[in-house]
PDB file of N, CA and C in Angstrom:
ATOM      1  N   ARG A   1     109.195  84.795  75.859  1.00  0.00           N
ATOM      2  CA  ARG A   1     107.898  84.666  76.066  1.00  0.00           C
ATOM      3  C   ARG A   1     107.488  84.786  77.421  1.00  0.00           C
ATOM      4  N   LEU A   2     108.204  84.243  78.263  1.00  0.00           N
ATOM      5  CA  LEU A   2     107.980  84.524  79.746  1.00  0.00           C
ATOM      6  C   LEU A   2     107.991  86.004  80.014  1.00  0.00           C
ATOM      7  N   LYS A   3     108.866  86.517  79.639  1.00  0.00           N
ATOM      8  CA  LYS A   3     109.075  88.040  79.924  1.00  0.00           C
ATOM      9  C   LYS A   3     108.009  88.889  79.279  1.00  0.00           C
ATOM     10  N   LEU A   4     107.442  88.480  78.297  1.00  0.00           N
ATOM     11  CA  LEU A   4     106.331  89.151  78.010  1.00  0.00           C
ATOM     12  C   LEU A   4     105.039  88.837  78.694  1.00  0.00           C
ATOM     13  N   VAL A   5     104.888  87.662  79.203  1.00  0.00           N
ATOM     14  CA  VAL A   5     103.704  87.228  79.881  1.00  0.00           C
ATOM     15  C   VAL A   5     103.801  88.109  81.406  1.00  0.00           C
ATOM     16  N   PHE A   6     105.181  88.085  81.871  1.00  0.00           N
ATOM     17  CA  PHE A   6     105.299  88.909  83.109  1.00  0.00           C
ATOM     18  C   PHE A   6     104.835  90.273  83.174  1.00  0.00           C
ATOM     19  N   GLU A   7     105.564  91.087  81.928  1.00  0.00           N
ATOM     20  CA  GLU A   7     105.307  92.516  81.712  1.00  0.00           C
ATOM     21  C   GLU A   7     103.721  92.611  81.447  1.00  0.00           C
ATOM     22  N   LEU A   8     102.950  91.680  81.072  1.00  0.00           N
ATOM     23  CA  LEU A   8     101.487  91.773  81.063  1.00  0.00           C
ATOM     24  C   LEU A   8     100.958  91.894  82.143  1.00  0.00           C
ATOM     25  N   ASP A   9     101.523  91.396  83.136  1.00  0.00           N
ATOM     26  CA  ASP A   9     101.104  91.242  84.610  1.00  0.00           C
ATOM     27  C   ASP A   9      99.599  90.367  84.587  1.00  0.00           C
ATOM     28  N   PRO A  10      99.785  89.331  84.290  1.00  0.00           N
ATOM     29  CA  PRO A  10      98.340  88.583  84.500  1.00  0.00           C
ATOM     30  C   PRO A  10      98.113  88.264  85.685  1.00  0.00           C
ATOM     31  N   ALA A  11      96.607  88.082  86.030  1.00  0.00           N
ATOM     32  CA  ALA A  11      96.111  87.599  87.057  1.00  0.00           C
ATOM     33  C   ALA A  11      96.071  86.106  87.356  1.00  0.00           C
ATOM     34  N   SER A  12      96.150  85.417  86.240  1.00  0.00           N
ATOM     35  CA  SER A  12      96.278  83.898  86.287  1.00  0.00           C
ATOM     36  C   SER A  12      96.641  83.383  84.888  1.00  0.00           C
ATOM     37  N   PHE A  13      96.926  82.140  84.783  1.00  0.00           N
ATOM     38  CA  PHE A  13      96.998  81.548  83.484  1.00  0.00           C
ATOM     39  C   PHE A  13      96.516  80.284  83.296  1.00  0.00           C
ATOM     40  N   LEU A  14      96.523  79.757  82.092  1.00  0.00           N
ATOM     41  CA  LEU A  14      96.010  78.622  81.805  1.00  0.00           C
ATOM     42  C   LEU A  14      97.104  77.669  81.151  1.00  0.00           C
ATOM     43  N   ILE A  15      97.276  76.341  81.337  1.00  0.00           N
ATOM     44  CA  ILE A  15      98.119  75.534  80.762  1.00  0.00           C
ATOM     45  C   ILE A  15      97.466  74.547  79.818  1.00  0.00           C
ATOM     46  N   LYS A  16      97.880  74.160  78.700  1.00  0.00           N
ATOM     47  CA  LYS A  16      97.285  73.265  77.990  1.00  0.00           C
ATOM     48  C   LYS A  16      97.906  72.016  78.148  1.00  0.00           C
ATOM     49  N   PRO A  17      97.236  70.835  78.054  1.00  0.00           N
ATOM     50  CA  PRO A  17      95.898  70.786  77.731  1.00  0.00           C
ATOM     51  C   PRO A  17      94.975  71.090  78.945  1.00  0.00           C
ATOM     52  N   LEU A  18      93.812  71.871  78.433  1.00  0.00           N
ATOM     53  CA  LEU A  18      92.803  72.520  79.582  1.00  0.00           C
ATOM     54  C   LEU A  18      92.180  71.162  80.464  1.00  0.00           C
ATOM     55  N   ARG A  19      92.340  71.261  81.656  1.00  0.00           N
ATOM     56  CA  ARG A  19      91.659  70.286  82.381  1.00  0.00           C
ATOM     57  C   ARG A  19      90.806  71.210  83.477  1.00  0.00           C
ATOM     58  N   SER A  20      89.939  70.484  84.109  1.00  0.00           N
ATOM     59  CA  SER A  20      89.206  71.170  84.989  1.00  0.00           C
ATOM     60  C   SER A  20      89.690  71.612  86.259  1.00  0.00           C
ATOM     61  N   ALA A  21      90.749  70.856  86.593  1.00  0.00           N
ATOM     62  CA  ALA A  21      91.639  71.268  87.985  1.00  0.00           C
ATOM     63  C   ALA A  21      92.418  72.448  87.476  1.00  0.00           C
ATOM     64  N   GLY A  22      92.939  72.592  86.361  1.00  0.00           N
ATOM     65  CA  GLY A  22      93.675  73.829  85.809  1.00  0.00           C
ATOM     66  C   GLY A  22      92.682  74.850  86.074  1.00  0.00           C
ATOM     67  N   ILE A  23      91.729  74.782  85.448  1.00  0.00           N
ATOM     68  CA  ILE A  23      90.790  75.984  85.085  1.00  0.00           C
ATOM     69  C   ILE A  23      90.262  76.569  86.559  1.00  0.00           C
ATOM     70  N   TYR A  24      89.915  75.659  87.230  1.00  0.00           N
ATOM     71  CA  TYR A  24      89.527  75.993  88.741  1.00  0.00           C
ATOM     72  C   TYR A  24      90.695  76.700  89.416  1.00  0.00           C
ATOM     73  N   ALA A  25      91.972  76.320  89.148  1.00  0.00           N
ATOM     74  CA  ALA A  25      92.917  76.879  90.106  1.00  0.00           C
ATOM     75  C   ALA A  25      93.409  78.344  89.408  1.00  0.00           C
ATOM     76  N   ALA A  26      93.150  78.407  87.898  1.00  0.00           N
ATOM     77  CA  ALA A  26      93.136  79.581  87.490  1.00  0.00           C
ATOM     78  C   ALA A  26      92.214  80.692  87.639  1.00  0.00           C
ATOM     79  N   LEU A  27      91.140  80.197  87.908  1.00  0.00           N
ATOM     80  CA  LEU A  27      89.743  81.195  88.416  1.00  0.00           C
ATOM     81  C   LEU A  27      90.071  81.498  89.854  1.00  0.00           C
ATOM     82  N   VAL A  28      90.290  80.603  90.848  1.00  0.00           N
ATOM     83  CA  VAL A  28      90.606  80.792  92.140  1.00  0.00           C
ATOM     84  C   VAL A  28      91.725  81.972  92.213  1.00  0.00           C
ATOM     85  N   MET A  29      92.881  81.714  91.475  1.00  0.00           N
ATOM     86  CA  MET A  29      93.923  82.719  91.545  1.00  0.00           C
ATOM     87  C   MET A  29      93.397  84.135  91.016  1.00  0.00           C
ATOM     88  N   ALA A  30      92.687  84.179  90.016  1.00  0.00           N
ATOM     89  CA  ALA A  30      92.222  85.411  89.455  1.00  0.00           C
ATOM     90  C   ALA A  30      91.276  86.140  90.278  1.00  0.00           C
ATOM     91  N   PHE A  31      90.321  85.563  91.190  1.00  0.00           N
ATOM     92  CA  PHE A  31      89.507  86.101  91.888  1.00  0.00           C
ATOM     93  C   PHE A  31      90.184  86.437  92.937  1.00  0.00           C
ATOM     94  N   GLU A  32      91.093  85.816  93.632  1.00  0.00           N
ATOM     95  CA  GLU A  32      91.934  86.199  94.733  1.00  0.00           C
ATOM     96  C   GLU A  32      92.821  87.506  94.536  1.00  0.00           C
ATOM     97  N   ARG A  33      93.452  87.549  93.367  1.00  0.00           N
ATOM     98  CA  ARG A  33      94.140  88.721  92.768  1.00  0.00           C
ATOM     99  C   ARG A  33      93.344  89.895  92.711  1.00  0.00           C
ATOM    100  N   ASN A  34      91.952  89.747  92.102  1.00  0.00           N
ATOM    101  CA  ASN A  34      91.042  90.762  92.030  1.00  0.00           C
ATOM    102  C   ASN A  34      90.664  91.304  93.366  1.00  0.00           C
ATOM    103  N   GLU A  35      90.417  90.462  94.270  1.00  0.00           N
ATOM    104  CA  GLU A  35      90.076  90.842  95.612  1.00  0.00           C
ATOM    105  C   GLU A  35      91.345  91.780  96.279  1.00  0.00           C
ATOM    106  N   ARG A  36      92.416  90.989  96.270  1.00  0.00           N
ATOM    107  CA  ARG A  36      93.601  91.853  96.752  1.00  0.00           C
ATOM    108  C   ARG A  36      93.662  93.123  96.210  1.00  0.00           C
ATOM    109  N   THR A  37      93.728  93.251  94.791  1.00  0.00           N
ATOM    110  CA  THR A  37      94.171  94.439  94.149  1.00  0.00           C
ATOM    111  C   THR A  37      92.856  95.574  94.604  1.00  0.00           C
ATOM    112  N   GLY A  38      91.766  95.110  94.690  1.00  0.00           N
ATOM    113  CA  GLY A  38      90.622  96.119  95.371  1.00  0.00           C
ATOM    114  C   GLY A  38      90.940  96.659  96.655  1.00  0.00           C
ATOM    115  N   GLU A  39      91.318  95.777  97.431  1.00  0.00           N
ATOM    116  CA  GLU A  39      91.681  96.172  98.812  1.00  0.00           C
ATOM    117  C   GLU A  39      93.122  97.097  98.845  1.00  0.00           C
ATOM    118  N   LEU A  40      93.854  96.793  98.130  1.00  0.00           N
ATOM    119  CA  LEU A  40      94.959  97.790  97.877  1.00  0.00           C
ATOM    120  C   LEU A  40      94.743  99.177  97.539  1.00  0.00           C
ATOM    121  N   LYS A  41      93.727  99.086  96.398  1.00  0.00           N
ATOM    122  CA  LYS A  41      93.097 100.260  95.972  1.00  0.00           C
ATOM    123  C   LYS A  41      92.271 101.190  96.873  1.00  0.00           C
ATOM    124  N   GLN A  42      91.698 100.421  97.801  1.00  0.00           N
ATOM    125  CA  GLN A  42      90.877 101.162  98.648  1.00  0.00           C
ATOM    126  C   GLN A  42      91.926 101.701  99.857  1.00  0.00           C
ATOM    127  N   GLN A  43      93.100 100.921 100.299  1.00  0.00           N
ATOM    128  CA  GLN A  43      94.012 101.444 101.060  1.00  0.00           C
ATOM    129  C   GLN A  43      94.801 102.514 100.581  1.00  0.00           C
ATOM    130  N   ILE A  44      95.115 102.498  99.334  1.00  0.00           N
ATOM    131  CA  ILE A  44      95.747 103.815  98.697  1.00  0.00           C
ATOM    132  C   ILE A  44      94.931 104.973  98.702  1.00  0.00           C
ATOM    133  N   LEU A  45      93.632 104.772  98.513  1.00  0.00           N
ATOM    134  CA  LEU A  45      92.619 105.975  98.416  1.00  0.00           C
ATOM    135  C   LEU A  45      92.674 106.698  99.656  1.00  0.00           C
ATOM    136  N   LYS A  46      92.630 105.626 100.799  1.00  0.00           N
ATOM    137  CA  LYS A  46      92.456 106.226 102.048  1.00  0.00           C
ATOM    138  C   LYS A  46      93.585 107.018 102.584  1.00  0.00           C
ATOM    139  N   LEU A  47      94.905 106.303 102.112  1.00  0.00           N
ATOM    140  CA  LEU A  47      96.114 107.110 102.440  1.00  0.00           C
ATOM    141  C   LEU A  47      96.246 108.330 101.964  1.00  0.00           C
ATOM    142  N   GLU A  48      95.874 108.335 100.668  1.00  0.00           N
ATOM    143  CA  GLU A  48      95.902 109.608  99.739  1.00  0.00           C
ATOM    144  C   GLU A  48      95.123 110.659 100.493  1.00  0.00           C
ATOM    145  N   GLN A  49      93.911 110.278 100.843  1.00  0.00           N
ATOM    146  CA  GLN A  49      92.867 111.286 101.516  1.00  0.00           C
ATOM    147  C   GLN A  49      93.588 111.645 102.855  1.00  0.00           C
ATOM    148  N   ARG A  50      94.362 110.777 103.652  1.00  0.00           N
ATOM    149  CA  ARG A  50      94.891 111.246 104.748  1.00  0.00           C
ATOM    150  C   ARG A  50      95.908 112.214 104.706  1.00  0.00           C
ATOM    151  N   LEU A  51      96.711 111.878 103.537  1.00  0.00           N
ATOM    152  CA  LEU A  51      97.917 112.832 103.104  1.00  0.00           C
ATOM    153  C   LEU A  51      97.323 114.187 102.693  1.00  0.00           C
ATOM    154  N   ARG A  52      96.462 114.110 101.965  1.00  0.00           N
ATOM    155  CA  ARG A  52      95.851 115.485 101.621  1.00  0.00           C
ATOM    156  C   ARG A  52      95.252 116.316 102.727  1.00  0.00           C
ATOM    157  N   SER A  53      94.582 115.627 103.729  1.00  0.00           N
ATOM    158  CA  SER A  53      94.141 116.363 104.846  1.00  0.00           C
ATOM    159  C   SER A  53      95.292 116.820 105.911  1.00  0.00           C
ATOM    160  N   ARG A  54      96.357 116.492 105.453  1.00  0.00           N
ATOM    161  CA  ARG A  54      97.574 116.719 106.592  1.00  0.00           C
ATOM    162  C   ARG A  54      97.665 118.242 106.535  1.00  0.00           C
ATOM    163  N   ARG A  55      97.463 118.960 105.259  1.00  0.00           N
ATOM    164  CA  ARG A  55      97.608 120.362 105.239  1.00  0.00           C
ATOM    165  C   ARG A  55      96.443 121.099 106.380  1.00  0.00           C
ATOM    166  N   VAL A  56      95.235 120.556 106.283  1.00  0.00           N
ATOM    167  CA  VAL A  56      94.433 121.104 107.285  1.00  0.00           C
ATOM    168  C   VAL A  56      94.680 120.815 108.633  1.00  0.00           C
ATOM    169  N   VAL A  57      95.248 119.600 108.988  1.00  0.00           N
ATOM    170  CA  VAL A  57      95.731 119.200 110.408  1.00  0.00           C
ATOM    171  C   VAL A  57      96.914 120.374 110.816  1.00  0.00           C
ATOM    172  N   LEU A  58      97.707 120.681 109.980  1.00  0.00           N
ATOM    173  CA  LEU A  58      98.828 121.605 110.326  1.00  0.00           C
ATOM    174  C   LEU A  58      98.182 123.008 110.347  1.00  0.00           C
ATOM    175  N   ALA A  59      97.317 123.319 109.514  1.00  0.00           N
ATOM    176  CA  ALA A  59      96.770 124.654 109.755  1.00  0.00           C
ATOM    177  C   ALA A  59      95.956 124.914 110.955  1.00  0.00           C
ATOM    178  N   ALA A  60      95.265 123.737 111.349  1.00  0.00           N
ATOM    179  CA  ALA A  60      94.676 123.700 112.734  1.00  0.00           C
ATOM    180  C   ALA A  60      95.614 123.741 113.934  1.00  0.00           C
ATOM    181  N   VAL A  61      96.742 123.010 113.871  1.00  0.00           N
ATOM    182  CA  VAL A  61      97.732 123.222 115.001  1.00  0.00           C
ATOM    183  C   VAL A  61      98.350 124.484 115.008  1.00  0.00           C
ATOM    184  N   LEU A  62      98.722 125.094 113.879  1.00  0.00           N
ATOM    185  CA  LEU A  62      99.363 126.278 113.952  1.00  0.00           C
ATOM    186  C   LEU A  62      98.010 127.364 114.626  1.00  0.00           C
ATOM    187  N   GLN A  63      96.860 127.259 114.207  1.00  0.00           N
ATOM    188  CA  GLN A  63      95.849 128.112 114.602  1.00  0.00           C
ATOM    189  C   GLN A  63      95.618 128.054 116.294  1.00  0.00           C
ATOM    190  N   VAL A  64      95.617 126.688 116.803  1.00  0.00           N
ATOM    191  CA  VAL A  64      95.560 126.462 118.395  1.00  0.00           C
ATOM    192  C   VAL A  64      96.869 127.123 118.963  1.00  0.00           C
ATOM    193  N   MET A  65      97.866 126.566 118.165  1.00  0.00           N
ATOM    194  CA  MET A  65      99.331 127.085 118.902  1.00  0.00           C
ATOM    195  C   MET A  65      99.069 128.923 119.172  1.00  0.00           C
ATOM    196  N   HIS A  66      98.470 129.557 117.979  1.00  0.00           N
ATOM    197  CA  HIS A  66      98.517 130.887 118.113  1.00  0.00           C
ATOM    198  C   HIS A  66      97.289 131.367 119.067  1.00  0.00           C
ATOM    199  N   SER A  67      96.136 130.832 119.103  1.00  0.00           N
ATOM    200  CA  SER A  67      95.301 131.223 119.880  1.00  0.00           C
ATOM    201  C   SER A  67      95.346 130.732 121.500  1.00  0.00           C
ATOM    202  N   HIS A  68      95.925 129.881 121.778  1.00  0.00           N
ATOM    203  CA  HIS A  68      96.065 129.299 122.749  1.00  0.00           C
ATOM    204  C   HIS A  68      97.633 129.459 123.610  1.00  0.00           C
ATOM    205  N   ALA A  69      98.309 129.950 122.854  1.00  0.00           N
ATOM    206  CA  ALA A  69      99.822 130.312 123.124  1.00  0.00           C
ATOM    207  C   ALA A  69     100.323 128.908 123.662  1.00  0.00           C
ATOM    208  N   LEU A  70     100.424 127.791 122.799  1.00  0.00           N
ATOM    209  CA  LEU A  70     100.874 126.609 123.054  1.00  0.00           C
ATOM    210  C   LEU A  70     102.176 126.151 122.118  1.00  0.00           C
ATOM    211  N   ALA A  71     102.944 125.469 122.538  1.00  0.00           N
ATOM    212  CA  ALA A  71     103.946 124.706 121.700  1.00  0.00           C
ATOM    213  C   ALA A  71     103.220 123.673 120.806  1.00  0.00           C
ATOM    214  N   GLU A  72     103.886 123.319 119.724  1.00  0.00           N
ATOM    215  CA  GLU A  72     103.361 122.471 118.662  1.00  0.00           C
ATOM    216  C   GLU A  72     102.918 121.160 119.333  1.00  0.00           C
ATOM    217  N   PRO A  73     103.818 120.697 120.156  1.00  0.00           N
ATOM    218  CA  PRO A  73     103.318 119.208 120.763  1.00  0.00           C
ATOM    219  C   PRO A  73     101.961 119.174 121.541  1.00  0.00           C
ATOM    220  N   ALA A  74     101.959 120.306 122.403  1.00  0.00           N
ATOM    221  CA  ALA A  74     100.798 120.570 123.268  1.00  0.00           C
ATOM    222  C   ALA A  74      99.567 120.868 122.459  1.00  0.00           C
ATOM    223  N   ALA A  75      99.632 121.675 121.316  1.00  0.00           N
ATOM    224  CA  ALA A  75      98.539 122.045 120.656  1.00  0.00           C
ATOM    225  C   ALA A  75      97.942 120.738 119.769  1.00  0.00           C
ATOM    226  N   PHE A  76      99.056 119.946 119.334  1.00  0.00           N
ATOM    227  CA  PHE A  76      98.594 118.658 118.529  1.00  0.00           C
ATOM    228  C   PHE A  76      97.845 117.716 119.686  1.00  0.00           C
ATOM    229  N   ALA A  77      98.370 117.649 120.862  1.00  0.00           N
ATOM    230  CA  ALA A  77      97.743 116.968 121.889  1.00  0.00           C
ATOM    231  C   ALA A  77      96.272 117.224 122.392  1.00  0.00           C
ATOM    232  N   LEU A  78      96.154 118.723 122.268  1.00  0.00           N
ATOM    233  CA  LEU A  78      94.803 119.267 122.505  1.00  0.00           C
ATOM    234  C   LEU A  78      93.806 118.845 121.480  1.00  0.00           C
ATOM    235  N   ILE A  79      94.281 118.981 120.145  1.00  0.00           N
ATOM    236  CA  ILE A  79      93.569 118.649 119.034  1.00  0.00           C
ATOM    237  C   ILE A  79      93.093 117.044 119.155  1.00  0.00           C
ATOM    238  N   ARG A  80      94.152 116.452 119.488  1.00  0.00           N
ATOM    239  CA  ARG A  80      93.828 114.750 119.486  1.00  0.00           C
ATOM    240  C   ARG A  80      93.047 114.364 120.663  1.00  0.00           C
ATOM    241  N   ARG A  81      93.153 115.055 122.054  1.00  0.00           N
ATOM    242  CA  ARG A  81      92.197 114.824 122.968  1.00  0.00           C
ATOM    243  C   ARG A  81      90.813 115.414 122.713  1.00  0.00           C
ATOM    244  N   THR A  82      90.628 116.442 122.000  1.00  0.00           N
ATOM    245  CA  THR A  82      89.325 116.927 121.784  1.00  0.00           C
ATOM    246  C   THR A  82      88.696 115.948 120.781  1.00  0.00           C
ATOM    247  N   ALA A  83      89.262 115.569 119.995  1.00  0.00           N
ATOM    248  CA  ALA A  83      88.896 114.864 118.825  1.00  0.00           C
ATOM    249  C   ALA A  83      88.421 113.368 119.384  1.00  0.00           C
ATOM    250  N   MET A  84      89.129 112.834 120.281  1.00  0.00           N
ATOM    251  CA  MET A  84      88.737 111.675 120.932  1.00  0.00           C
ATOM    252  C   MET A  84      87.282 111.822 121.746  1.00  0.00           C
ATOM    253  N   GLU A  85      87.525 112.956 122.503  1.00  0.00           N
ATOM    254  CA  GLU A  85      86.111 113.366 123.351  1.00  0.00           C
ATOM    255  C   GLU A  85      85.048 113.263 122.479  1.00  0.00           C
ATOM    256  N   GLN A  86      85.121 114.095 121.335  1.00  0.00           N
ATOM    257  CA  GLN A  86      83.962 113.962 120.420  1.00  0.00           C
ATOM    258  C   GLN A  86      83.846 112.885 119.455  1.00  0.00           C
ATOM    259  N   ARG A  87      84.697 112.023 119.628  1.00  0.00           N
ATOM    260  CA  ARG A  87      84.510 110.731 118.614  1.00  0.00           C
ATOM    261  C   ARG A  87      84.612 111.234 117.123  1.00  0.00           C
ATOM    262  N   LYS A  88      85.478 112.073 116.950  1.00  0.00           N
ATOM    263  CA  LYS A  88      85.793 112.410 115.529  1.00  0.00           C
ATOM    264  C   LYS A  88      87.442 112.195 115.185  1.00  0.00           C
ATOM    265  N   THR A  89      87.570 112.028 113.965  1.00  0.00           N
ATOM    266  CA  THR A  89      89.113 111.874 113.592  1.00  0.00           C
ATOM    267  C   THR A  89      89.656 113.391 113.767  1.00  0.00           C
ATOM    268  N   ILE A  90      90.904 113.021 113.850  1.00  0.00           N
ATOM    269  CA  ILE A  90      91.723 114.504 114.014  1.00  0.00           C
ATOM    270  C   ILE A  90      91.466 115.174 112.696  1.00  0.00           C
ATOM    271  N   GLU A  91      91.311 114.549 111.614  1.00  0.00           N
ATOM    272  CA  GLU A  91      91.149 115.361 110.379  1.00  0.00           C
ATOM    273  C   GLU A  91      89.859 116.139 110.340  1.00  0.00           C
ATOM    274  N   GLU A  92      88.815 115.421 110.701  1.00  0.00           N
ATOM    275  CA  GLU A  92      87.484 116.043 110.720  1.00  0.00           C
ATOM    276  C   GLU A  92      87.521 117.207 111.672  1.00  0.00           C
ATOM    277  N   LEU A  93      88.027 117.147 112.997  1.00  0.00           N
ATOM    278  CA  LEU A  93      88.094 118.210 113.845  1.00  0.00           C
ATOM    279  C   LEU A  93      88.890 119.478 113.353  1.00  0.00           C
ATOM    280  N   SER A  94      89.982 119.055 112.863  1.00  0.00           N
ATOM    281  CA  SER A  94      90.991 119.936 112.207  1.00  0.00           C
ATOM    282  C   SER A  94      90.276 120.954 111.117  1.00  0.00           C
ATOM    283  N   ALA A  95      89.302 120.158 110.060  1.00  0.00           N
ATOM    284  CA  ALA A  95      88.522 120.831 109.233  1.00  0.00           C
ATOM    285  C   ALA A  95      87.612 122.030 110.063  1.00  0.00           C
ATOM    286  N   GLU A  96      87.004 121.527 111.178  1.00  0.00           N
ATOM    287  CA  GLU A  96      86.038 122.319 111.846  1.00  0.00           C
ATOM    288  C   GLU A  96      86.842 123.403 112.353  1.00  0.00           C
ATOM    289  N   ILE A  97      88.116 123.337 112.973  1.00  0.00           N
ATOM    290  CA  ILE A  97      88.969 124.207 113.568  1.00  0.00           C
ATOM    291  C   ILE A  97      89.256 125.203 112.543  1.00  0.00           C
ATOM    292  N   THR A  98      89.587 125.061 111.482  1.00  0.00           N
ATOM    293  CA  THR A  98      90.036 125.971 110.164  1.00  0.00           C
ATOM    294  C   THR A  98      88.948 126.672 109.871  1.00  0.00           C
ATOM    295  N   ALA A  99      87.596 126.131 109.824  1.00  0.00           N
ATOM    296  CA  ALA A  99      86.536 126.711 109.311  1.00  0.00           C
ATOM    297  C   ALA A  99      86.049 127.605 110.384  1.00  0.00           C
ATOM    298  N   ARG A 100      85.836 127.264 111.698  1.00  0.00           N
ATOM    299  CA  ARG A 100      85.549 128.228 112.842  1.00  0.00           C
ATOM    300  C   ARG A 100      86.600 129.164 113.144  1.00  0.00           C
ATOM    301  N   GLY A 101      87.688 128.956 112.987  1.00  0.00           N
ATOM    302  CA  GLY A 101      88.604 129.639 113.749  1.00  0.00           C
ATOM    303  C   GLY A 101      88.926 129.203 115.070  1.00  0.00           C
ATOM    304  N   MET A 102      88.351 128.250 115.590  1.00  0.00           N
ATOM    305  CA  MET A 102      88.717 127.882 117.014  1.00  0.00           C
ATOM    306  C   MET A 102      88.252 126.507 117.468  1.00  0.00           C
ATOM    307  N   LEU A 103      88.711 126.095 118.385  1.00  0.00           N
ATOM    308  CA  LEU A 103      88.075 124.529 118.903  1.00  0.00           C
ATOM    309  C   LEU A 103      86.851 124.651 119.165  1.00  0.00           C
ATOM    310  N   PRO A 104      85.944 123.622 118.765  1.00  0.00           N
ATOM    311  CA  PRO A 104      84.729 123.581 118.995  1.00  0.00           C
ATOM    312  C   PRO A 104      84.492 123.316 120.423  1.00  0.00           C
ATOM    313  N   ARG A 105      83.254 123.666 120.901  1.00  0.00           N
ATOM    314  CA  ARG A 105      83.007 123.343 122.336  1.00  0.00           C
ATOM    315  C   ARG A 105      82.731 121.837 122.532  1.00  0.00           C
ATOM    316  N   ALA A 106      83.167 121.331 123.677  1.00  0.00           N
ATOM    317  CA  ALA A 106      82.982 119.709 123.963  1.00  0.00           C
ATOM    318  C   ALA A 106      81.398 119.584 124.143  1.00  0.00           C
ATOM    319  N   VAL A 107      81.124 118.470 123.239  1.00  0.00           N
ATOM    320  CA  VAL A 107      79.627 118.024 123.461  1.00  0.00           C
ATOM    321  C   VAL A 107      79.379 117.234 124.696  1.00  0.00           C
ATOM    322  N   GLY A 108      78.416 117.296 125.397  1.00  0.00           N
ATOM    323  CA  GLY A 108      78.181 116.683 126.429  1.00  0.00           C
ATOM    324  C   GLY A 108      77.142 117.186 127.401  1.00  0.00           C
TER     325      GLY A 108
END
């Protein structure tokens, strides 16, 4: 029975006879598990998004390497520095670079 319960992956459980303290503990455990699961799902979505955007970053680095005759570390450093100056993520700036074909001008 315990193996079956663990396979179901419960958020909480109740023990008989039902008492208010047991019900309260089960509810607290269930709500905590639900909150933690939601946070983990958000973190997974964010990481998957970043993983998908790595192709765009790589394309932007290659484009900057070619257009500025730079090595890979220097091209990435230039993109990172420009992103910081413009208060954008590297992924956002990389998408702009691949769309425009060049580094955007500094805002200021």
